[in-house]
Amino acid sequence: MDLTLGERDAIAAHASVLGLSPDEYIHRTAAERALAWQREREAFQALARRHGQTAEKVVRRGRLTDSNL
């Protein structure tokens, strides 16, 4: 993974404040983001199913609005 100097410095600084190594910080942050994405995806798919559609069809048709949430 190629990070800029600024990105590396920011990661190292935040990791230090949290008492983590930069590698552990990256690992935890990536895992948290991936799990959050997975939960959002599953919730969206459940919402689409409640409307009798697949998530792909809802997105394709542009039928999902804030009022559906």
PDB file of N, CA and C in Angstrom:
ATOM      1  N   MET A   1       0.844  -1.163   0.000  1.00  0.00           N
ATOM      2  CA  MET A   1       0.000   0.000   0.000  1.00  0.00           C
ATOM      3  C   MET A   1       0.895   1.232   0.000  1.00  0.00           C
ATOM      4  N   ASP A   2       0.668   2.116  -0.948  1.00  0.00           N
ATOM      5  CA  ASP A   2       1.462   3.329  -1.041  1.00  0.00           C
ATOM      6  C   ASP A   2       0.725   4.478  -0.378  1.00  0.00           C
ATOM      7  N   LEU A   3       1.313   5.016   0.674  1.00  0.00           N
ATOM      8  CA  LEU A   3       0.749   6.161   1.375  1.00  0.00           C
ATOM      9  C   LEU A   3       1.664   7.354   1.187  1.00  0.00           C
ATOM     10  N   THR A   4       1.061   8.523   1.137  1.00  0.00           N
ATOM     11  CA  THR A   4       1.875   9.728   1.053  1.00  0.00           C
ATOM     12  C   THR A   4       2.526   9.975   2.406  1.00  0.00           C
ATOM     13  N   LEU A   5       3.517  10.838   2.414  1.00  0.00           N
ATOM     14  CA  LEU A   5       4.186  11.184   3.665  1.00  0.00           C
ATOM     15  C   LEU A   5       3.176  11.774   4.649  1.00  0.00           C
ATOM     16  N   GLY A   6       2.297  12.620   4.172  1.00  0.00           N
ATOM     17  CA  GLY A   6       1.281  13.216   5.030  1.00  0.00           C
ATOM     18  C   GLY A   6       0.339  12.183   5.621  1.00  0.00           C
ATOM     19  N   GLU A   7      -0.045  11.209   4.807  1.00  0.00           N
ATOM     20  CA  GLU A   7      -0.916  10.132   5.289  1.00  0.00           C
ATOM     21  C   GLU A   7      -0.209   9.287   6.348  1.00  0.00           C
ATOM     22  N   ARG A   8       1.050   8.959   6.083  1.00  0.00           N
ATOM     23  CA  ARG A   8       1.819   8.169   7.055  1.00  0.00           C
ATOM     24  C   ARG A   8       1.973   8.914   8.368  1.00  0.00           C
ATOM     25  N   ASP A   9       2.252  10.220   8.284  1.00  0.00           N
ATOM     26  CA  ASP A   9       2.407  11.023   9.493  1.00  0.00           C
ATOM     27  C   ASP A   9       1.107  11.101  10.281  1.00  0.00           C
ATOM     28  N   ALA A  10      -0.005  11.290   9.585  1.00  0.00           N
ATOM     29  CA  ALA A  10      -1.308  11.373  10.251  1.00  0.00           C
ATOM     30  C   ALA A  10      -1.655  10.046  10.920  1.00  0.00           C
ATOM     31  N   ILE A  11      -1.406   8.949  10.225  1.00  0.00           N
ATOM     32  CA  ILE A  11      -1.682   7.631  10.788  1.00  0.00           C
ATOM     33  C   ILE A  11      -0.811   7.393  12.013  1.00  0.00           C
ATOM     34  N   ALA A  12       0.462   7.695  11.908  1.00  0.00           N
ATOM     35  CA  ALA A  12       1.377   7.487  13.032  1.00  0.00           C
ATOM     36  C   ALA A  12       0.966   8.338  14.231  1.00  0.00           C
ATOM     37  N   ALA A  13       0.565   9.570  13.987  1.00  0.00           N
ATOM     38  CA  ALA A  13       0.163  10.460  15.083  1.00  0.00           C
ATOM     39  C   ALA A  13      -1.105   9.955  15.765  1.00  0.00           C
ATOM     40  N   HIS A  14      -2.106   9.586  14.982  1.00  0.00           N
ATOM     41  CA  HIS A  14      -3.363   9.110  15.573  1.00  0.00           C
ATOM     42  C   HIS A  14      -3.159   7.767  16.261  1.00  0.00           C
ATOM     43  N   ALA A  15      -2.389   6.895  15.651  1.00  0.00           N
ATOM     44  CA  ALA A  15      -2.095   5.601  16.259  1.00  0.00           C
ATOM     45  C   ALA A  15      -1.396   5.789  17.599  1.00  0.00           C
ATOM     46  N   SER A  16      -0.471   6.717  17.658  1.00  0.00           N
ATOM     47  CA  SER A  16       0.264   6.990  18.890  1.00  0.00           C
ATOM     48  C   SER A  16      -0.675   7.459  19.997  1.00  0.00           C
ATOM     49  N   VAL A  17      -1.580   8.358  19.654  1.00  0.00           N
ATOM     50  CA  VAL A  17      -2.550   8.855  20.640  1.00  0.00           C
ATOM     51  C   VAL A  17      -3.398   7.707  21.177  1.00  0.00           C
ATOM     52  N   LEU A  18      -3.716   6.751  20.319  1.00  0.00           N
ATOM     53  CA  LEU A  18      -4.545   5.613  20.707  1.00  0.00           C
ATOM     54  C   LEU A  18      -3.739   4.476  21.340  1.00  0.00           C
ATOM     55  N   GLY A  19      -2.419   4.621  21.366  1.00  0.00           N
ATOM     56  CA  GLY A  19      -1.561   3.591  21.941  1.00  0.00           C
ATOM     57  C   GLY A  19      -1.408   2.370  21.054  1.00  0.00           C
ATOM     58  N   LEU A  20      -1.484   2.581  19.744  1.00  0.00           N
ATOM     59  CA  LEU A  20      -1.374   1.489  18.784  1.00  0.00           C
ATOM     60  C   LEU A  20      -0.176   1.708  17.880  1.00  0.00           C
ATOM     61  N   SER A  21       0.304   0.620  17.305  1.00  0.00           N
ATOM     62  CA  SER A  21       1.313   0.758  16.261  1.00  0.00           C
ATOM     63  C   SER A  21       0.589   1.209  14.989  1.00  0.00           C
ATOM     64  N   PRO A  22       1.288   1.841  14.071  1.00  0.00           N
ATOM     65  CA  PRO A  22       0.636   2.216  12.806  1.00  0.00           C
ATOM     66  C   PRO A  22       0.016   1.018  12.089  1.00  0.00           C
ATOM     67  N   ASP A  23       0.687  -0.133  12.104  1.00  0.00           N
ATOM     68  CA  ASP A  23       0.132  -1.322  11.444  1.00  0.00           C
ATOM     69  C   ASP A  23      -1.169  -1.781  12.108  1.00  0.00           C
ATOM     70  N   GLU A  24      -1.192  -1.781  13.451  1.00  0.00           N
ATOM     71  CA  GLU A  24      -2.407  -2.184  14.163  1.00  0.00           C
ATOM     72  C   GLU A  24      -3.524  -1.174  13.910  1.00  0.00           C
ATOM     73  N   TYR A  25      -3.180   0.097  13.868  1.00  0.00           N
ATOM     74  CA  TYR A  25      -4.165   1.145  13.581  1.00  0.00           C
ATOM     75  C   TYR A  25      -4.794   0.933  12.202  1.00  0.00           C
ATOM     76  N   ILE A  26      -3.956   0.683  11.205  1.00  0.00           N
ATOM     77  CA  ILE A  26      -4.456   0.452   9.840  1.00  0.00           C
ATOM     78  C   ILE A  26      -5.332  -0.788   9.819  1.00  0.00           C
ATOM     79  N   HIS A  27      -4.891  -1.851  10.470  1.00  0.00           N
ATOM     80  CA  HIS A  27      -5.659  -3.097  10.509  1.00  0.00           C
ATOM     81  C   HIS A  27      -7.036  -2.865  11.135  1.00  0.00           C
ATOM     82  N   ARG A  28      -7.070  -2.236  12.289  1.00  0.00           N
ATOM     83  CA  ARG A  28      -8.348  -2.005  12.989  1.00  0.00           C
ATOM     84  C   ARG A  28      -9.261  -1.071  12.191  1.00  0.00           C
ATOM     85  N   THR A  29      -8.686  -0.020  11.649  1.00  0.00           N
ATOM     86  CA  THR A  29      -9.486   0.932  10.896  1.00  0.00           C
ATOM     87  C   THR A  29     -10.070   0.288   9.643  1.00  0.00           C
ATOM     88  N   ALA A  30      -9.266  -0.469   8.939  1.00  0.00           N
ATOM     89  CA  ALA A  30      -9.755  -1.146   7.738  1.00  0.00           C
ATOM     90  C   ALA A  30     -10.853  -2.143   8.091  1.00  0.00           C
ATOM     91  N   ALA A  31     -10.665  -2.893   9.161  1.00  0.00           N
ATOM     92  CA  ALA A  31     -11.677  -3.868   9.574  1.00  0.00           C
ATOM     93  C   ALA A  31     -12.976  -3.162   9.962  1.00  0.00           C
ATOM     94  N   GLU A  32     -12.886  -2.074  10.714  1.00  0.00           N
ATOM     95  CA  GLU A  32     -14.085  -1.330  11.111  1.00  0.00           C
ATOM     96  C   GLU A  32     -14.836  -0.799   9.895  1.00  0.00           C
ATOM     97  N   ARG A  33     -14.102  -0.247   8.945  1.00  0.00           N
ATOM     98  CA  ARG A  33     -14.743   0.288   7.733  1.00  0.00           C
ATOM     99  C   ARG A  33     -15.400  -0.812   6.918  1.00  0.00           C
ATOM    100  N   ALA A  34     -14.725  -1.941   6.788  1.00  0.00           N
ATOM    101  CA  ALA A  34     -15.282  -3.051   6.015  1.00  0.00           C
ATOM    102  C   ALA A  34     -16.534  -3.612   6.680  1.00  0.00           C
ATOM    103  N   LEU A  35     -16.510  -3.746   8.001  1.00  0.00           N
ATOM    104  CA  LEU A  35     -17.685  -4.250   8.709  1.00  0.00           C
ATOM    105  C   LEU A  35     -18.849  -3.263   8.641  1.00  0.00           C
ATOM    106  N   ALA A  36     -18.563  -1.971   8.725  1.00  0.00           N
ATOM    107  CA  ALA A  36     -19.620  -0.961   8.602  1.00  0.00           C
ATOM    108  C   ALA A  36     -20.236  -1.022   7.208  1.00  0.00           C
ATOM    109  N   TRP A  37     -19.406  -1.159   6.186  1.00  0.00           N
ATOM    110  CA  TRP A  37     -19.899  -1.275   4.813  1.00  0.00           C
ATOM    111  C   TRP A  37     -20.794  -2.505   4.685  1.00  0.00           C
ATOM    112  N   GLN A  38     -20.351  -3.610   5.282  1.00  0.00           N
ATOM    113  CA  GLN A  38     -21.117  -4.848   5.198  1.00  0.00           C
ATOM    114  C   GLN A  38     -22.481  -4.683   5.873  1.00  0.00           C
ATOM    115  N   ARG A  39     -22.515  -4.047   7.049  1.00  0.00           N
ATOM    116  CA  ARG A  39     -23.792  -3.825   7.745  1.00  0.00           C
ATOM    117  C   ARG A  39     -24.716  -2.937   6.923  1.00  0.00           C
ATOM    118  N   GLU A  40     -24.170  -1.875   6.338  1.00  0.00           N
ATOM    119  CA  GLU A  40     -24.983  -0.979   5.506  1.00  0.00           C
ATOM    120  C   GLU A  40     -25.533  -1.718   4.290  1.00  0.00           C
ATOM    121  N   ARG A  41     -24.702  -2.531   3.681  1.00  0.00           N
ATOM    122  CA  ARG A  41     -25.117  -3.305   2.502  1.00  0.00           C
ATOM    123  C   ARG A  41     -26.242  -4.272   2.868  1.00  0.00           C
ATOM    124  N   GLU A  42     -26.088  -4.968   3.982  1.00  0.00           N
ATOM    125  CA  GLU A  42     -27.112  -5.908   4.427  1.00  0.00           C
ATOM    126  C   GLU A  42     -28.418  -5.189   4.763  1.00  0.00           C
ATOM    127  N   ALA A  43     -28.326  -4.013   5.394  1.00  0.00           N
ATOM    128  CA  ALA A  43     -29.533  -3.244   5.723  1.00  0.00           C
ATOM    129  C   ALA A  43     -30.230  -2.778   4.446  1.00  0.00           C
ATOM    130  N   PHE A  44     -29.457  -2.342   3.462  1.00  0.00           N
ATOM    131  CA  PHE A  44     -30.026  -1.907   2.192  1.00  0.00           C
ATOM    132  C   PHE A  44     -30.717  -3.067   1.484  1.00  0.00           C
ATOM    133  N   GLN A  45     -30.090  -4.228   1.497  1.00  0.00           N
ATOM    134  CA  GLN A  45     -30.690  -5.399   0.870  1.00  0.00           C
ATOM    135  C   GLN A  45     -31.980  -5.804   1.585  1.00  0.00           C
ATOM    136  N   ALA A  46     -32.002  -5.707   2.913  1.00  0.00           N
ATOM    137  CA  ALA A  46     -33.220  -6.027   3.666  1.00  0.00           C
ATOM    138  C   ALA A  46     -34.328  -5.038   3.332  1.00  0.00           C
ATOM    139  N   LEU A  47     -33.984  -3.771   3.198  1.00  0.00           N
ATOM    140  CA  LEU A  47     -34.960  -2.749   2.830  1.00  0.00           C
ATOM    141  C   LEU A  47     -35.537  -3.039   1.448  1.00  0.00           C
ATOM    142  N   ALA A  48     -34.688  -3.385   0.521  1.00  0.00           N
ATOM    143  CA  ALA A  48     -35.148  -3.707  -0.836  1.00  0.00           C
ATOM    144  C   ALA A  48     -36.068  -4.920  -0.812  1.00  0.00           C
ATOM    145  N   ARG A  49     -35.705  -5.949  -0.035  1.00  0.00           N
ATOM    146  CA  ARG A  49     -36.552  -7.139   0.063  1.00  0.00           C
ATOM    147  C   ARG A  49     -37.929  -6.797   0.618  1.00  0.00           C
ATOM    148  N   ARG A  50     -37.985  -5.892   1.600  1.00  0.00           N
ATOM    149  CA  ARG A  50     -39.279  -5.491   2.160  1.00  0.00           C
ATOM    150  C   ARG A  50     -40.161  -4.834   1.105  1.00  0.00           C
ATOM    151  N   HIS A  51     -39.529  -4.262   0.090  1.00  0.00           N
ATOM    152  CA  HIS A  51     -40.269  -3.645  -1.019  1.00  0.00           C
ATOM    153  C   HIS A  51     -40.443  -4.614  -2.185  1.00  0.00           C
ATOM    154  N   GLY A  52     -40.083  -5.875  -1.952  1.00  0.00           N
ATOM    155  CA  GLY A  52     -40.255  -6.899  -2.973  1.00  0.00           C
ATOM    156  C   GLY A  52     -39.297  -6.776  -4.140  1.00  0.00           C
ATOM    157  N   GLN A  53     -38.155  -6.194  -3.921  1.00  0.00           N
ATOM    158  CA  GLN A  53     -37.178  -5.983  -4.980  1.00  0.00           C
ATOM    159  C   GLN A  53     -35.809  -6.491  -4.536  1.00  0.00           C
ATOM    160  N   THR A  54     -34.926  -6.611  -5.490  1.00  0.00           N
ATOM    161  CA  THR A  54     -33.525  -6.850  -5.154  1.00  0.00           C
ATOM    162  C   THR A  54     -32.879  -5.476  -5.013  1.00  0.00           C
ATOM    163  N   ALA A  55     -31.786  -5.419  -4.296  1.00  0.00           N
ATOM    164  CA  ALA A  55     -31.078  -4.152  -4.117  1.00  0.00           C
ATOM    165  C   ALA A  55     -30.656  -3.594  -5.474  1.00  0.00           C
ATOM    166  N   GLU A  56     -30.231  -4.473  -6.374  1.00  0.00           N
ATOM    167  CA  GLU A  56     -29.774  -4.031  -7.692  1.00  0.00           C
ATOM    168  C   GLU A  56     -30.905  -3.367  -8.469  1.00  0.00           C
ATOM    169  N   LYS A  57     -32.113  -3.935  -8.391  1.00  0.00           N
ATOM    170  CA  LYS A  57     -33.245  -3.343  -9.112  1.00  0.00           C
ATOM    171  C   LYS A  57     -33.639  -2.000  -8.523  1.00  0.00           C
ATOM    172  N   VAL A  58     -33.583  -1.888  -7.204  1.00  0.00           N
ATOM    173  CA  VAL A  58     -33.915  -0.609  -6.566  1.00  0.00           C
ATOM    174  C   VAL A  58     -32.944   0.472  -7.009  1.00  0.00           C
ATOM    175  N   VAL A  59     -31.660   0.140  -7.028  1.00  0.00           N
ATOM    176  CA  VAL A  59     -30.652   1.117  -7.441  1.00  0.00           C
ATOM    177  C   VAL A  59     -30.818   1.468  -8.914  1.00  0.00           C
ATOM    178  N   ARG A  60     -31.027   0.462  -9.732  1.00  0.00           N
ATOM    179  CA  ARG A  60     -31.154   0.687 -11.173  1.00  0.00           C
ATOM    180  C   ARG A  60     -32.348   1.592 -11.480  1.00  0.00           C
ATOM    181  N   ARG A  61     -33.440   1.367 -10.790  1.00  0.00           N
ATOM    182  CA  ARG A  61     -34.649   2.155 -11.031  1.00  0.00           C
ATOM    183  C   ARG A  61     -34.634   3.492 -10.300  1.00  0.00           C
ATOM    184  N   GLY A  62     -33.721   3.653  -9.361  1.00  0.00           N
ATOM    185  CA  GLY A  62     -33.658   4.900  -8.603  1.00  0.00           C
ATOM    186  C   GLY A  62     -34.872   5.107  -7.722  1.00  0.00           C
ATOM    187  N   ARG A  63     -35.421   3.998  -7.215  1.00  0.00           N
ATOM    188  CA  ARG A  63     -36.666   4.076  -6.462  1.00  0.00           C
ATOM    189  C   ARG A  63     -36.473   4.306  -4.977  1.00  0.00           C
ATOM    190  N   LEU A  64     -35.284   4.177  -4.463  1.00  0.00           N
ATOM    191  CA  LEU A  64     -35.063   4.335  -3.040  1.00  0.00           C
ATOM    192  C   LEU A  64     -34.905   5.812  -2.707  1.00  0.00           C
ATOM    193  N   THR A  65     -35.716   6.296  -1.794  1.00  0.00           N
ATOM    194  CA  THR A  65     -35.622   7.691  -1.345  1.00  0.00           C
ATOM    195  C   THR A  65     -35.474   7.699   0.174  1.00  0.00           C
ATOM    196  N   ASP A  66     -35.208   8.866   0.730  1.00  0.00           N
ATOM    197  CA  ASP A  66     -35.077   8.986   2.166  1.00  0.00           C
ATOM    198  C   ASP A  66     -36.341   8.549   2.893  1.00  0.00           C
ATOM    199  N   SER A  67     -37.496   8.701   2.281  1.00  0.00           N
ATOM    200  CA  SER A  67     -38.741   8.305   2.924  1.00  0.00           C
ATOM    201  C   SER A  67     -38.840   6.788   3.066  1.00  0.00           C
ATOM    202  N   ASN A  68     -38.049   6.035   2.285  1.00  0.00           N
ATOM    203  CA  ASN A  68     -38.031   4.580   2.404  1.00  0.00           C
ATOM    204  C   ASN A  68     -37.237   4.129   3.600  1.00  0.00           C
ATOM    205  N   LEU A  69     -36.383   4.985   4.108  1.00  0.00           N
ATOM    206  CA  LEU A  69     -35.534   4.605   5.239  1.00  0.00           C
ATOM    207  C   LEU A  69     -36.341   4.757   6.464  1.00  0.00           C
TER     208      LEU A  69
END
